[in-house]
Amino acid sequence: MKIAVVGAGAVGRSVVDLASEYGHEVVAVADSSSAVVADGVDGRNVGVDADAVVARKAERGIVGDDDPADALAADYDALVEATPTTLGDAEPGFSHVRTALERDRHAVLANKGPVAERFGDLRALVDDSDGEIRFEATVGGAIPAVSTVEDIEPGHVTAVRGVLNGTANFILTRMAAEGLDYEHVLAEAQDLGVAEADPSFDVDGTDAALKCVILANVLSFGAADNPADAREFTLDDADVEGIRDVPGSALRLAAEDGRTVRLIGEATGETVRVAPRLVPENGTLAVSGTQNIVQIETTHAGRLNISGRGAGGPETASAVLGDVGRLE
């Protein structure tokens, strides 16, 4: 399949780098200020030079000499939207996806914003297009959470919960293991590159909440007999509490009782909640470090657990490229 990649951060670059291993051809790549579009030869595209794109971005801060709009207008089968997540109107990611769908092309999202904040608008665009959308990479990196819920069928899933943010989980794991307070471990995480200079998105629970909102939309729309009857969720519908106020003493007391604290997100077709919760120290939800885990409660298959790396360029790119394969 011919793909255009919009966004040249860690995920976008990894998609470009790995696409050929999955049997796909990258015909255009764009970042916020530049693009490169494959040249046509005898009426066909020959694909961009992935190594050259990655090297140019690292050395010059751009991917090519074309305009970003040229990538959106290229001859592709599927657009990969890998720009940074934005809230509210979810721009420019939403407009990128709209452009693809209005051209009857597919769109695969790693950007959580459009799926979490404008899911109903996306569904309306899909209804008027010959293209489809996929968004496995928006929830849990390499973990196949969305596709597993879809395979079970949302009407047979009562809840999805789990540890969905690696930064918060790393901090809580280190606090418990070393008996340290939040600020000390946060500084360590920032030194290691696990936490951003501004960690708010992760430690305040926003990232986990967006993922849970996406899952709630999958459950709500997937279970509805008529999409018009489905409830659409956005971040405003989520009840969110982060980890800034979790004291080291709480983790020490929890350990004395054989428990620990994890930031747990939960989605149903009716509610979205994210908050620190006590869990058994050796229980399924007590994954350590930057690991993520998703628990799916089903009506007929019991509880399913899927764990793995919830972030990272190659890991998330694998989910993107898996979605591209599903569209073939």
C-alpha atoms as a PDB file:
ATOM      1  CA  MET A   1       0.000   0.000   0.000  1.00  0.00           C
ATOM      2  CA  LYS A   2       1.228   3.529  -0.763  1.00  0.00           C
ATOM      3  CA  ILE A   3       1.353   5.717   2.349  1.00  0.00           C
ATOM      4  CA  ALA A   4       1.989   9.368   3.112  1.00  0.00           C
ATOM      5  CA  VAL A   5       3.312  10.209   6.571  1.00  0.00           C
ATOM      6  CA  VAL A   6       2.483  13.557   8.181  1.00  0.00           C
ATOM      7  CA  GLY A   7       4.585  14.155  11.274  1.00  0.00           C
ATOM      8  CA  ALA A   8       8.299  13.442  11.553  1.00  0.00           C
ATOM      9  CA  GLY A   9       8.786  12.871  15.253  1.00  0.00           C
ATOM     10  CA  ALA A  10       9.893   9.536  16.702  1.00  0.00           C
ATOM     11  CA  VAL A  11       6.749   7.725  15.502  1.00  0.00           C
ATOM     12  CA  GLY A  12       6.632   9.257  12.027  1.00  0.00           C
ATOM     13  CA  ARG A  13      10.324   8.594  11.406  1.00  0.00           C
ATOM     14  CA  SER A  14       9.917   4.995  12.583  1.00  0.00           C
ATOM     15  CA  VAL A  15       6.975   4.482  10.224  1.00  0.00           C
ATOM     16  CA  VAL A  16       9.103   5.739   7.344  1.00  0.00           C
ATOM     17  CA  ASP A  17      12.003   3.533   8.404  1.00  0.00           C
ATOM     18  CA  LEU A  18       9.952   0.344   8.897  1.00  0.00           C
ATOM     19  CA  ALA A  19       7.287   0.604   6.182  1.00  0.00           C
ATOM     20  CA  SER A  20       9.139  -1.485   3.622  1.00  0.00           C
ATOM     21  CA  GLU A  21       9.469  -4.369   6.112  1.00  0.00           C
ATOM     22  CA  TYR A  22       5.672  -4.485   6.216  1.00  0.00           C
ATOM     23  CA  GLY A  23       5.367  -4.400   2.424  1.00  0.00           C
ATOM     24  CA  HIS A  24       4.318  -0.757   2.125  1.00  0.00           C
ATOM     25  CA  GLU A  25       5.774   2.120   0.120  1.00  0.00           C
ATOM     26  CA  VAL A  26       6.176   5.634   1.539  1.00  0.00           C
ATOM     27  CA  VAL A  27       5.420   8.109  -1.234  1.00  0.00           C
ATOM     28  CA  ALA A  28       5.403  11.332   0.820  1.00  0.00           C
ATOM     29  CA  VAL A  29       6.605  12.615   4.190  1.00  0.00           C
ATOM     30  CA  ALA A  30       5.856  15.975   5.808  1.00  0.00           C
ATOM     31  CA  ASP A  31       6.771  17.783   8.988  1.00  0.00           C
ATOM     32  CA  SER A  32       5.392  21.155  10.090  1.00  0.00           C
ATOM     33  CA  SER A  33       7.464  23.177   7.607  1.00  0.00           C
ATOM     34  CA  SER A  34       8.585  20.902   4.772  1.00  0.00           C
ATOM     35  CA  ALA A  35       7.857  17.759   2.791  1.00  0.00           C
ATOM     36  CA  VAL A  36       9.321  15.312   0.342  1.00  0.00           C
ATOM     37  CA  VAL A  37       7.146  13.698  -2.321  1.00  0.00           C
ATOM     38  CA  ALA A  38       8.237  10.758  -4.442  1.00  0.00           C
ATOM     39  CA  ASP A  39       8.838  11.390  -8.115  1.00  0.00           C
ATOM     40  CA  GLY A  40       6.723   9.560 -10.648  1.00  0.00           C
ATOM     41  CA  VAL A  41       8.430   7.198 -13.085  1.00  0.00           C
ATOM     42  CA  ASP A  42       6.438   5.852 -16.033  1.00  0.00           C
ATOM     43  CA  GLY A  43       3.201   6.791 -14.325  1.00  0.00           C
ATOM     44  CA  ARG A  44       4.064   5.225 -10.978  1.00  0.00           C
ATOM     45  CA  ASN A  45       5.610   6.379  -7.719  1.00  0.00           C
ATOM     46  CA  VAL A  46       8.926   4.887  -6.699  1.00  0.00           C
ATOM     47  CA  GLY A  47       8.822   5.809  -3.026  1.00  0.00           C
ATOM     48  CA  VAL A  48      10.944   8.195  -1.021  1.00  0.00           C
ATOM     49  CA  ASP A  49      14.428   7.320   0.210  1.00  0.00           C
ATOM     50  CA  ALA A  50      13.685   6.493   3.853  1.00  0.00           C
ATOM     51  CA  ASP A  51      17.315   6.748   4.988  1.00  0.00           C
ATOM     52  CA  ALA A  52      17.699  10.135   3.325  1.00  0.00           C
ATOM     53  CA  VAL A  53      14.507  11.457   4.936  1.00  0.00           C
ATOM     54  CA  VAL A  54      15.573  10.370   8.432  1.00  0.00           C
ATOM     55  CA  ALA A  55      19.106  11.707   7.966  1.00  0.00           C
ATOM     56  CA  ARG A  56      17.894  15.054   6.581  1.00  0.00           C
ATOM     57  CA  LYS A  57      15.545  15.513   9.528  1.00  0.00           C
ATOM     58  CA  ALA A  58      18.352  14.814  11.987  1.00  0.00           C
ATOM     59  CA  GLU A  59      20.901  17.040  10.247  1.00  0.00           C
ATOM     60  CA  ARG A  60      18.815  19.925   8.902  1.00  0.00           C
ATOM     61  CA  GLY A  61      15.564  19.760  10.859  1.00  0.00           C
ATOM     62  CA  ILE A  62      13.492  19.320   7.696  1.00  0.00           C
ATOM     63  CA  VAL A  63      12.418  16.279   5.679  1.00  0.00           C
ATOM     64  CA  GLY A  64      12.623  17.833   2.209  1.00  0.00           C
ATOM     65  CA  ASP A  65      12.256  20.898   0.024  1.00  0.00           C
ATOM     66  CA  ASP A  66       8.554  20.592  -0.837  1.00  0.00           C
ATOM     67  CA  ASP A  67       5.607  22.228   0.932  1.00  0.00           C
ATOM     68  CA  PRO A  68       3.701  20.186   3.566  1.00  0.00           C
ATOM     69  CA  ALA A  69       0.512  20.606   1.502  1.00  0.00           C
ATOM     70  CA  ASP A  70       2.191  18.673  -1.297  1.00  0.00           C
ATOM     71  CA  ALA A  71       2.307  15.574   0.888  1.00  0.00           C
ATOM     72  CA  LEU A  72      -1.433  15.780   1.565  1.00  0.00           C
ATOM     73  CA  ALA A  73      -2.055  16.057  -2.171  1.00  0.00           C
ATOM     74  CA  ALA A  74       0.237  13.146  -3.102  1.00  0.00           C
ATOM     75  CA  ASP A  75      -0.914   9.894  -4.688  1.00  0.00           C
ATOM     76  CA  TYR A  76      -1.278   7.694  -1.601  1.00  0.00           C
ATOM     77  CA  ASP A  77      -3.679   4.985  -0.445  1.00  0.00           C
ATOM     78  CA  ALA A  78      -3.455   5.793   3.269  1.00  0.00           C
ATOM     79  CA  LEU A  79      -2.400   8.874   5.213  1.00  0.00           C
ATOM     80  CA  VAL A  80      -0.524   8.286   8.477  1.00  0.00           C
ATOM     81  CA  GLU A  81      -1.302  11.150  10.894  1.00  0.00           C
ATOM     82  CA  ALA A  82       1.597  11.262  13.369  1.00  0.00           C
ATOM     83  CA  THR A  83       1.702  14.927  14.371  1.00  0.00           C
ATOM     84  CA  PRO A  84       1.703  15.851  18.087  1.00  0.00           C
ATOM     85  CA  THR A  85      -1.559  15.459  19.985  1.00  0.00           C
ATOM     86  CA  THR A  86      -3.512  18.673  20.475  1.00  0.00           C
ATOM     87  CA  LEU A  87      -6.715  19.157  22.445  1.00  0.00           C
ATOM     88  CA  GLY A  88      -9.937  21.048  21.780  1.00  0.00           C
ATOM     89  CA  ASP A  89     -10.302  21.343  18.001  1.00  0.00           C
ATOM     90  CA  ALA A  90      -7.527  18.726  17.541  1.00  0.00           C
ATOM     91  CA  GLU A  91      -5.881  20.757  14.812  1.00  0.00           C
ATOM     92  CA  PRO A  92      -3.995  20.423  12.540  1.00  0.00           C
ATOM     93  CA  GLY A  93      -4.392  16.650  12.824  1.00  0.00           C
ATOM     94  CA  PHE A  94      -8.133  16.673  12.263  1.00  0.00           C
ATOM     95  CA  SER A  95      -7.837  18.694   9.047  1.00  0.00           C
ATOM     96  CA  HIS A  96      -5.143  16.337   7.752  1.00  0.00           C
ATOM     97  CA  VAL A  97      -7.457  13.370   8.243  1.00  0.00           C
ATOM     98  CA  ARG A  98     -10.385  15.267   6.725  1.00  0.00           C
ATOM     99  CA  THR A  99      -8.314  16.012   3.614  1.00  0.00           C
ATOM    100  CA  ALA A 100      -7.526  12.313   3.179  1.00  0.00           C
ATOM    101  CA  LEU A 101     -11.123  11.181   3.672  1.00  0.00           C
ATOM    102  CA  GLU A 102     -12.499  13.850   1.340  1.00  0.00           C
ATOM    103  CA  ARG A 103     -10.161  12.407  -1.297  1.00  0.00           C
ATOM    104  CA  ASP A 104     -11.601   8.943  -0.530  1.00  0.00           C
ATOM    105  CA  ARG A 105      -8.284   7.856   0.975  1.00  0.00           C
ATOM    106  CA  HIS A 106      -7.765   5.955   4.220  1.00  0.00           C
ATOM    107  CA  ALA A 107      -6.283   7.524   7.363  1.00  0.00           C
ATOM    108  CA  VAL A 108      -4.314   5.842  10.150  1.00  0.00           C
ATOM    109  CA  LEU A 109      -3.820   7.875  13.295  1.00  0.00           C
ATOM    110  CA  ALA A 110      -1.101   7.847  15.916  1.00  0.00           C
ATOM    111  CA  ASN A 111      -2.322  11.302  16.996  1.00  0.00           C
ATOM    112  CA  LYS A 112      -4.840  10.904  19.824  1.00  0.00           C
ATOM    113  CA  GLY A 113      -6.430  14.349  19.476  1.00  0.00           C
ATOM    114  CA  PRO A 114      -8.923  13.802  16.628  1.00  0.00           C
ATOM    115  CA  VAL A 115     -10.107  10.435  17.991  1.00  0.00           C
ATOM    116  CA  ALA A 116     -10.465  11.649  21.572  1.00  0.00           C
ATOM    117  CA  GLU A 117     -11.824  15.137  20.947  1.00  0.00           C
ATOM    118  CA  ARG A 118     -13.773  14.888  17.649  1.00  0.00           C
ATOM    119  CA  PHE A 119     -14.770  11.258  17.251  1.00  0.00           C
ATOM    120  CA  GLY A 120     -18.272  12.077  16.037  1.00  0.00           C
ATOM    121  CA  ASP A 121     -16.890  14.439  13.392  1.00  0.00           C
ATOM    122  CA  LEU A 122     -14.507  11.716  12.220  1.00  0.00           C
ATOM    123  CA  ARG A 123     -17.347   9.201  11.957  1.00  0.00           C
ATOM    124  CA  ALA A 124     -19.380  11.682   9.892  1.00  0.00           C
ATOM    125  CA  LEU A 125     -16.467  12.147   7.497  1.00  0.00           C
ATOM    126  CA  VAL A 126     -16.042   8.380   7.157  1.00  0.00           C
ATOM    127  CA  ASP A 127     -19.740   7.992   6.359  1.00  0.00           C
ATOM    128  CA  ASP A 128     -19.304  10.340   3.385  1.00  0.00           C
ATOM    129  CA  SER A 129     -16.056   8.768   2.165  1.00  0.00           C
ATOM    130  CA  ASP A 130     -14.820   5.599   0.513  1.00  0.00           C
ATOM    131  CA  GLY A 131     -11.902   5.762   2.957  1.00  0.00           C
ATOM    132  CA  GLU A 132     -11.707   4.328   6.459  1.00  0.00           C
ATOM    133  CA  ILE A 133      -9.900   5.306   9.656  1.00  0.00           C
ATOM    134  CA  ARG A 134      -7.812   3.153  11.979  1.00  0.00           C
ATOM    135  CA  PHE A 135      -6.237   4.282  15.252  1.00  0.00           C
ATOM    136  CA  GLU A 136      -4.676   1.350  17.096  1.00  0.00           C
ATOM    137  CA  ALA A 137      -1.550   3.371  17.839  1.00  0.00           C
ATOM    138  CA  THR A 138      -3.489   5.965  19.862  1.00  0.00           C
ATOM    139  CA  VAL A 139      -3.950   3.545  22.789  1.00  0.00           C
ATOM    140  CA  GLY A 140      -1.051   1.736  24.401  1.00  0.00           C
ATOM    141  CA  GLY A 141       1.617   1.873  21.697  1.00  0.00           C
ATOM    142  CA  ALA A 142       2.291  -1.670  20.521  1.00  0.00           C
ATOM    143  CA  ILE A 143      -0.496  -3.188  22.647  1.00  0.00           C
ATOM    144  CA  PRO A 144      -3.416  -4.257  20.388  1.00  0.00           C
ATOM    145  CA  ALA A 145      -6.108  -2.853  22.667  1.00  0.00           C
ATOM    146  CA  VAL A 146      -8.471  -1.346  20.079  1.00  0.00           C
ATOM    147  CA  SER A 147      -8.344  -4.271  17.664  1.00  0.00           C
ATOM    148  CA  THR A 148      -8.880  -6.764  20.487  1.00  0.00           C
ATOM    149  CA  VAL A 149     -12.004  -4.911  21.635  1.00  0.00           C
ATOM    150  CA  GLU A 150     -13.226  -4.823  18.036  1.00  0.00           C
ATOM    151  CA  ASP A 151     -12.539  -8.532  17.558  1.00  0.00           C
ATOM    152  CA  ILE A 152     -14.476  -9.423  20.702  1.00  0.00           C
ATOM    153  CA  GLU A 153     -17.151  -6.914  19.602  1.00  0.00           C
ATOM    154  CA  PRO A 154     -17.756  -3.845  21.791  1.00  0.00           C
ATOM    155  CA  GLY A 155     -21.229  -5.052  22.756  1.00  0.00           C
ATOM    156  CA  HIS A 156     -19.581  -7.961  24.575  1.00  0.00           C
ATOM    157  CA  VAL A 157     -17.058  -5.776  26.457  1.00  0.00           C
ATOM    158  CA  THR A 158     -18.205  -4.286  29.750  1.00  0.00           C
ATOM    159  CA  ALA A 159     -15.069  -2.327  30.653  1.00  0.00           C
ATOM    160  CA  VAL A 160     -11.462  -1.694  29.682  1.00  0.00           C
ATOM    161  CA  ARG A 161      -8.955  -0.633  32.324  1.00  0.00           C
ATOM    162  CA  GLY A 162      -5.247  -0.564  32.828  1.00  0.00           C
ATOM    163  CA  VAL A 163      -1.955   1.212  33.251  1.00  0.00           C
ATOM    164  CA  LEU A 164      -1.744   3.408  30.178  1.00  0.00           C
ATOM    165  CA  ASN A 165       1.081   5.862  30.811  1.00  0.00           C
ATOM    166  CA  GLY A 166       4.693   4.741  31.085  1.00  0.00           C
ATOM    167  CA  THR A 167       6.043   7.938  32.624  1.00  0.00           C
ATOM    168  CA  ALA A 168       3.601   7.893  35.536  1.00  0.00           C
ATOM    169  CA  ASN A 169       4.165   4.195  36.013  1.00  0.00           C
ATOM    170  CA  PHE A 170       7.946   4.592  36.080  1.00  0.00           C
ATOM    171  CA  ILE A 171       7.644   7.269  38.762  1.00  0.00           C
ATOM    172  CA  LEU A 172       5.306   5.221  40.944  1.00  0.00           C
ATOM    173  CA  THR A 173       7.457   2.106  40.520  1.00  0.00           C
ATOM    174  CA  ARG A 174      10.609   3.954  41.615  1.00  0.00           C
ATOM    175  CA  MET A 175       8.838   5.642  44.517  1.00  0.00           C
ATOM    176  CA  ALA A 176       7.714   2.244  45.802  1.00  0.00           C
ATOM    177  CA  ALA A 177      11.022   0.454  45.216  1.00  0.00           C
ATOM    178  CA  GLU A 178      13.314   3.115  46.697  1.00  0.00           C
ATOM    179  CA  GLY A 179      11.043   4.782  49.244  1.00  0.00           C
ATOM    180  CA  LEU A 180      11.508   8.137  47.511  1.00  0.00           C
ATOM    181  CA  ASP A 181       9.125  11.054  47.150  1.00  0.00           C
ATOM    182  CA  TYR A 182       7.536  12.228  43.902  1.00  0.00           C
ATOM    183  CA  GLU A 183       9.744  15.247  43.191  1.00  0.00           C
ATOM    184  CA  HIS A 184      12.959  13.246  43.602  1.00  0.00           C
ATOM    185  CA  VAL A 185      11.844  10.489  41.235  1.00  0.00           C
ATOM    186  CA  LEU A 186      10.440  12.980  38.714  1.00  0.00           C
ATOM    187  CA  ALA A 187      13.854  14.632  38.462  1.00  0.00           C
ATOM    188  CA  GLU A 188      15.421  11.205  37.928  1.00  0.00           C
ATOM    189  CA  ALA A 189      12.885  10.379  35.220  1.00  0.00           C
ATOM    190  CA  GLN A 190      13.618  13.669  33.455  1.00  0.00           C
ATOM    191  CA  ASP A 191      17.371  12.999  33.586  1.00  0.00           C
ATOM    192  CA  LEU A 192      16.768   9.573  32.004  1.00  0.00           C
ATOM    193  CA  GLY A 193      14.505  10.992  29.305  1.00  0.00           C
ATOM    194  CA  VAL A 194      11.499   9.043  30.608  1.00  0.00           C
ATOM    195  CA  ALA A 195       9.700  12.260  31.577  1.00  0.00           C
ATOM    196  CA  GLU A 196       9.444  15.477  29.561  1.00  0.00           C
ATOM    197  CA  ALA A 197      10.754  18.798  30.844  1.00  0.00           C
ATOM    198  CA  ASP A 198       7.063  19.661  31.312  1.00  0.00           C
ATOM    199  CA  PRO A 199       5.610  16.343  32.521  1.00  0.00           C
ATOM    200  CA  SER A 200       2.059  17.636  33.030  1.00  0.00           C
ATOM    201  CA  PHE A 201       0.480  15.646  30.197  1.00  0.00           C
ATOM    202  CA  ASP A 202       1.683  12.413  31.783  1.00  0.00           C
ATOM    203  CA  VAL A 203       1.686  12.963  35.538  1.00  0.00           C
ATOM    204  CA  ASP A 204      -1.635  14.826  35.622  1.00  0.00           C
ATOM    205  CA  GLY A 205      -3.339  11.853  33.964  1.00  0.00           C
ATOM    206  CA  THR A 206      -4.242  13.637  30.711  1.00  0.00           C
ATOM    207  CA  ASP A 207      -2.491  11.151  28.421  1.00  0.00           C
ATOM    208  CA  ALA A 208      -4.098   8.143  30.122  1.00  0.00           C
ATOM    209  CA  ALA A 209      -7.465   9.903  30.073  1.00  0.00           C
ATOM    210  CA  LEU A 210      -7.284  10.551  26.327  1.00  0.00           C
ATOM    211  CA  LYS A 211      -6.605   6.856  25.740  1.00  0.00           C
ATOM    212  CA  CYS A 212      -9.550   5.911  27.928  1.00  0.00           C
ATOM    213  CA  VAL A 213     -11.780   8.408  26.109  1.00  0.00           C
ATOM    214  CA  ILE A 214     -10.849   6.738  22.820  1.00  0.00           C
ATOM    215  CA  LEU A 215     -11.701   3.325  24.258  1.00  0.00           C
ATOM    216  CA  ALA A 216     -15.007   4.653  25.598  1.00  0.00           C
ATOM    217  CA  ASN A 217     -15.878   5.926  22.112  1.00  0.00           C
ATOM    218  CA  VAL A 218     -15.024   2.529  20.621  1.00  0.00           C
ATOM    219  CA  LEU A 219     -17.278   0.838  23.173  1.00  0.00           C
ATOM    220  CA  SER A 220     -20.125   3.334  22.843  1.00  0.00           C
ATOM    221  CA  PHE A 221     -20.256   3.555  19.046  1.00  0.00           C
ATOM    222  CA  GLY A 222     -19.442  -0.113  18.566  1.00  0.00           C
ATOM    223  CA  ALA A 223     -22.270  -1.300  20.807  1.00  0.00           C
ATOM    224  CA  ALA A 224     -24.932   1.086  19.486  1.00  0.00           C
ATOM    225  CA  ASP A 225     -27.487  -0.317  17.032  1.00  0.00           C
ATOM    226  CA  ASN A 226     -27.738   3.172  15.568  1.00  0.00           C
ATOM    227  CA  PRO A 227     -24.620   5.399  15.664  1.00  0.00           C
ATOM    228  CA  ALA A 228     -26.904   8.374  16.274  1.00  0.00           C
ATOM    229  CA  ASP A 229     -27.765   6.821  19.641  1.00  0.00           C
ATOM    230  CA  ALA A 230     -24.116   6.427  20.716  1.00  0.00           C
ATOM    231  CA  ARG A 231     -22.674   8.706  23.345  1.00  0.00           C
ATOM    232  CA  GLU A 232     -19.622  10.624  22.168  1.00  0.00           C
ATOM    233  CA  PHE A 233     -16.869  11.152  24.762  1.00  0.00           C
ATOM    234  CA  THR A 234     -14.234  13.885  24.930  1.00  0.00           C
ATOM    235  CA  LEU A 235     -11.651  14.726  27.568  1.00  0.00           C
ATOM    236  CA  ASP A 236     -14.217  16.965  29.278  1.00  0.00           C
ATOM    237  CA  ASP A 237     -16.237  13.836  30.123  1.00  0.00           C
ATOM    238  CA  ALA A 238     -13.359  12.173  31.974  1.00  0.00           C
ATOM    239  CA  ASP A 239     -12.902  12.203  35.749  1.00  0.00           C
ATOM    240  CA  VAL A 240      -9.128  12.624  36.045  1.00  0.00           C
ATOM    241  CA  GLU A 241      -6.695  12.665  38.960  1.00  0.00           C
ATOM    242  CA  GLY A 242      -2.929  12.507  38.479  1.00  0.00           C
ATOM    243  CA  ILE A 243      -0.031  11.360  40.652  1.00  0.00           C
ATOM    244  CA  ARG A 244       1.536  14.642  41.810  1.00  0.00           C
ATOM    245  CA  ASP A 245      -0.078  14.378  45.235  1.00  0.00           C
ATOM    246  CA  VAL A 246       0.763  10.725  45.899  1.00  0.00           C
ATOM    247  CA  PRO A 247       3.153  10.805  48.897  1.00  0.00           C
ATOM    248  CA  GLY A 248       5.956   8.333  49.325  1.00  0.00           C
ATOM    249  CA  SER A 249       4.442   7.438  52.691  1.00  0.00           C
ATOM    250  CA  ALA A 250       1.311   6.139  50.942  1.00  0.00           C
ATOM    251  CA  LEU A 251       3.386   3.683  48.930  1.00  0.00           C
ATOM    252  CA  ARG A 252       5.278   2.568  52.036  1.00  0.00           C
ATOM    253  CA  LEU A 253       2.043   1.947  53.911  1.00  0.00           C
ATOM    254  CA  ALA A 254       0.586   0.116  50.921  1.00  0.00           C
ATOM    255  CA  ALA A 255       3.650  -2.160  50.769  1.00  0.00           C
ATOM    256  CA  GLU A 256       3.127  -3.167  54.396  1.00  0.00           C
ATOM    257  CA  ASP A 257      -0.265  -4.489  53.348  1.00  0.00           C
ATOM    258  CA  GLY A 258       1.033  -6.261  50.228  1.00  0.00           C
ATOM    259  CA  ARG A 259      -0.223  -3.563  47.893  1.00  0.00           C
ATOM    260  CA  THR A 260       1.125  -0.748  45.741  1.00  0.00           C
ATOM    261  CA  VAL A 261      -0.204   2.277  43.858  1.00  0.00           C
ATOM    262  CA  ARG A 262      -0.714   2.523  40.109  1.00  0.00           C
ATOM    263  CA  LEU A 263      -2.356   5.180  37.915  1.00  0.00           C
ATOM    264  CA  ILE A 264      -5.353   3.245  36.602  1.00  0.00           C
ATOM    265  CA  GLY A 265      -7.579   4.342  33.758  1.00  0.00           C
ATOM    266  CA  GLU A 266     -10.963   2.760  33.142  1.00  0.00           C
ATOM    267  CA  ALA A 267     -13.427   3.153  30.274  1.00  0.00           C
ATOM    268  CA  THR A 268     -16.933   1.859  29.762  1.00  0.00           C
ATOM    269  CA  GLY A 269     -19.610   2.921  27.321  1.00  0.00           C
ATOM    270  CA  GLU A 270     -20.831   5.317  30.004  1.00  0.00           C
ATOM    271  CA  THR A 271     -17.860   6.582  32.056  1.00  0.00           C
ATOM    272  CA  VAL A 272     -14.163   7.436  31.911  1.00  0.00           C
ATOM    273  CA  ARG A 273     -12.048   7.588  35.073  1.00  0.00           C
ATOM    274  CA  VAL A 274      -8.317   7.940  35.734  1.00  0.00           C
ATOM    275  CA  ALA A 275      -6.825   8.015  39.234  1.00  0.00           C
ATOM    276  CA  PRO A 276      -4.145   6.484  41.465  1.00  0.00           C
ATOM    277  CA  ARG A 277      -5.471   3.235  42.937  1.00  0.00           C
ATOM    278  CA  LEU A 278      -4.277   0.600  45.344  1.00  0.00           C
ATOM    279  CA  VAL A 279      -3.606  -2.719  43.610  1.00  0.00           C
ATOM    280  CA  PRO A 280      -2.103  -6.012  44.852  1.00  0.00           C
ATOM    281  CA  GLU A 281       1.694  -5.751  44.829  1.00  0.00           C
ATOM    282  CA  ASN A 282       2.021  -8.950  42.821  1.00  0.00           C
ATOM    283  CA  GLY A 283      -1.215  -8.492  40.900  1.00  0.00           C
ATOM    284  CA  THR A 284      -1.699  -8.205  37.165  1.00  0.00           C
ATOM    285  CA  LEU A 285      -2.055  -4.411  37.212  1.00  0.00           C
ATOM    286  CA  ALA A 286       1.214  -3.891  39.120  1.00  0.00           C
ATOM    287  CA  VAL A 287       3.382  -3.742  35.982  1.00  0.00           C
ATOM    288  CA  SER A 288       6.716  -2.040  36.585  1.00  0.00           C
ATOM    289  CA  GLY A 289       8.744   0.671  34.921  1.00  0.00           C
ATOM    290  CA  THR A 290       7.406   1.988  31.639  1.00  0.00           C
ATOM    291  CA  GLN A 291       5.353  -1.118  30.880  1.00  0.00           C
ATOM    292  CA  ASN A 292       1.639  -0.756  30.138  1.00  0.00           C
ATOM    293  CA  ILE A 293      -1.181  -3.228  30.627  1.00  0.00           C
ATOM    294  CA  VAL A 294      -4.754  -3.332  29.351  1.00  0.00           C
ATOM    295  CA  GLN A 295      -7.471  -5.431  30.997  1.00  0.00           C
ATOM    296  CA  ILE A 296     -10.600  -6.150  28.985  1.00  0.00           C
ATOM    297  CA  GLU A 297     -13.685  -7.326  30.849  1.00  0.00           C
ATOM    298  CA  THR A 298     -15.956  -9.394  28.618  1.00  0.00           C
ATOM    299  CA  THR A 299     -19.380 -10.936  28.998  1.00  0.00           C
ATOM    300  CA  HIS A 300     -18.397 -14.376  27.729  1.00  0.00           C
ATOM    301  CA  ALA A 301     -14.601 -14.668  27.765  1.00  0.00           C
ATOM    302  CA  GLY A 302     -13.898 -13.346  31.257  1.00  0.00           C
ATOM    303  CA  ARG A 303     -10.990 -10.987  31.780  1.00  0.00           C
ATOM    304  CA  LEU A 304      -8.283 -10.647  29.134  1.00  0.00           C
ATOM    305  CA  ASN A 305      -4.900  -9.085  29.922  1.00  0.00           C
ATOM    306  CA  ILE A 306      -2.538  -7.618  27.310  1.00  0.00           C
ATOM    307  CA  SER A 307       0.730  -6.013  28.360  1.00  0.00           C
ATOM    308  CA  GLY A 308       3.733  -4.549  26.599  1.00  0.00           C
ATOM    309  CA  ARG A 309       5.463  -1.354  25.651  1.00  0.00           C
ATOM    310  CA  GLY A 310       2.981   1.466  25.587  1.00  0.00           C
ATOM    311  CA  ALA A 311       5.188   4.003  23.825  1.00  0.00           C
ATOM    312  CA  GLY A 312       8.310   4.382  21.713  1.00  0.00           C
ATOM    313  CA  GLY A 313       8.907   5.069  18.042  1.00  0.00           C
ATOM    314  CA  PRO A 314       9.287   1.536  16.643  1.00  0.00           C
ATOM    315  CA  GLU A 315       6.696   0.106  19.031  1.00  0.00           C
ATOM    316  CA  THR A 316       4.024   2.628  18.074  1.00  0.00           C
ATOM    317  CA  ALA A 317       5.013   2.429  14.404  1.00  0.00           C
ATOM    318  CA  SER A 318       4.329  -1.306  14.512  1.00  0.00           C
ATOM    319  CA  ALA A 319       0.746  -0.531  15.522  1.00  0.00           C
ATOM    320  CA  VAL A 320       0.436   2.067  12.745  1.00  0.00           C
ATOM    321  CA  LEU A 321       1.727  -0.326  10.108  1.00  0.00           C
ATOM    322  CA  GLY A 322      -0.484  -3.107  11.424  1.00  0.00           C
ATOM    323  CA  ASP A 323      -3.455  -0.812  10.853  1.00  0.00           C
ATOM    324  CA  VAL A 324      -2.272  -0.057   7.330  1.00  0.00           C
ATOM    325  CA  GLY A 325      -2.214  -3.795   6.696  1.00  0.00           C
ATOM    326  CA  ARG A 326      -5.795  -4.130   7.938  1.00  0.00           C
ATOM    327  CA  LEU A 327      -6.889  -1.632   5.307  1.00  0.00           C
ATOM    328  CA  GLU A 328      -5.532  -3.610   2.361  1.00  0.00           C
END
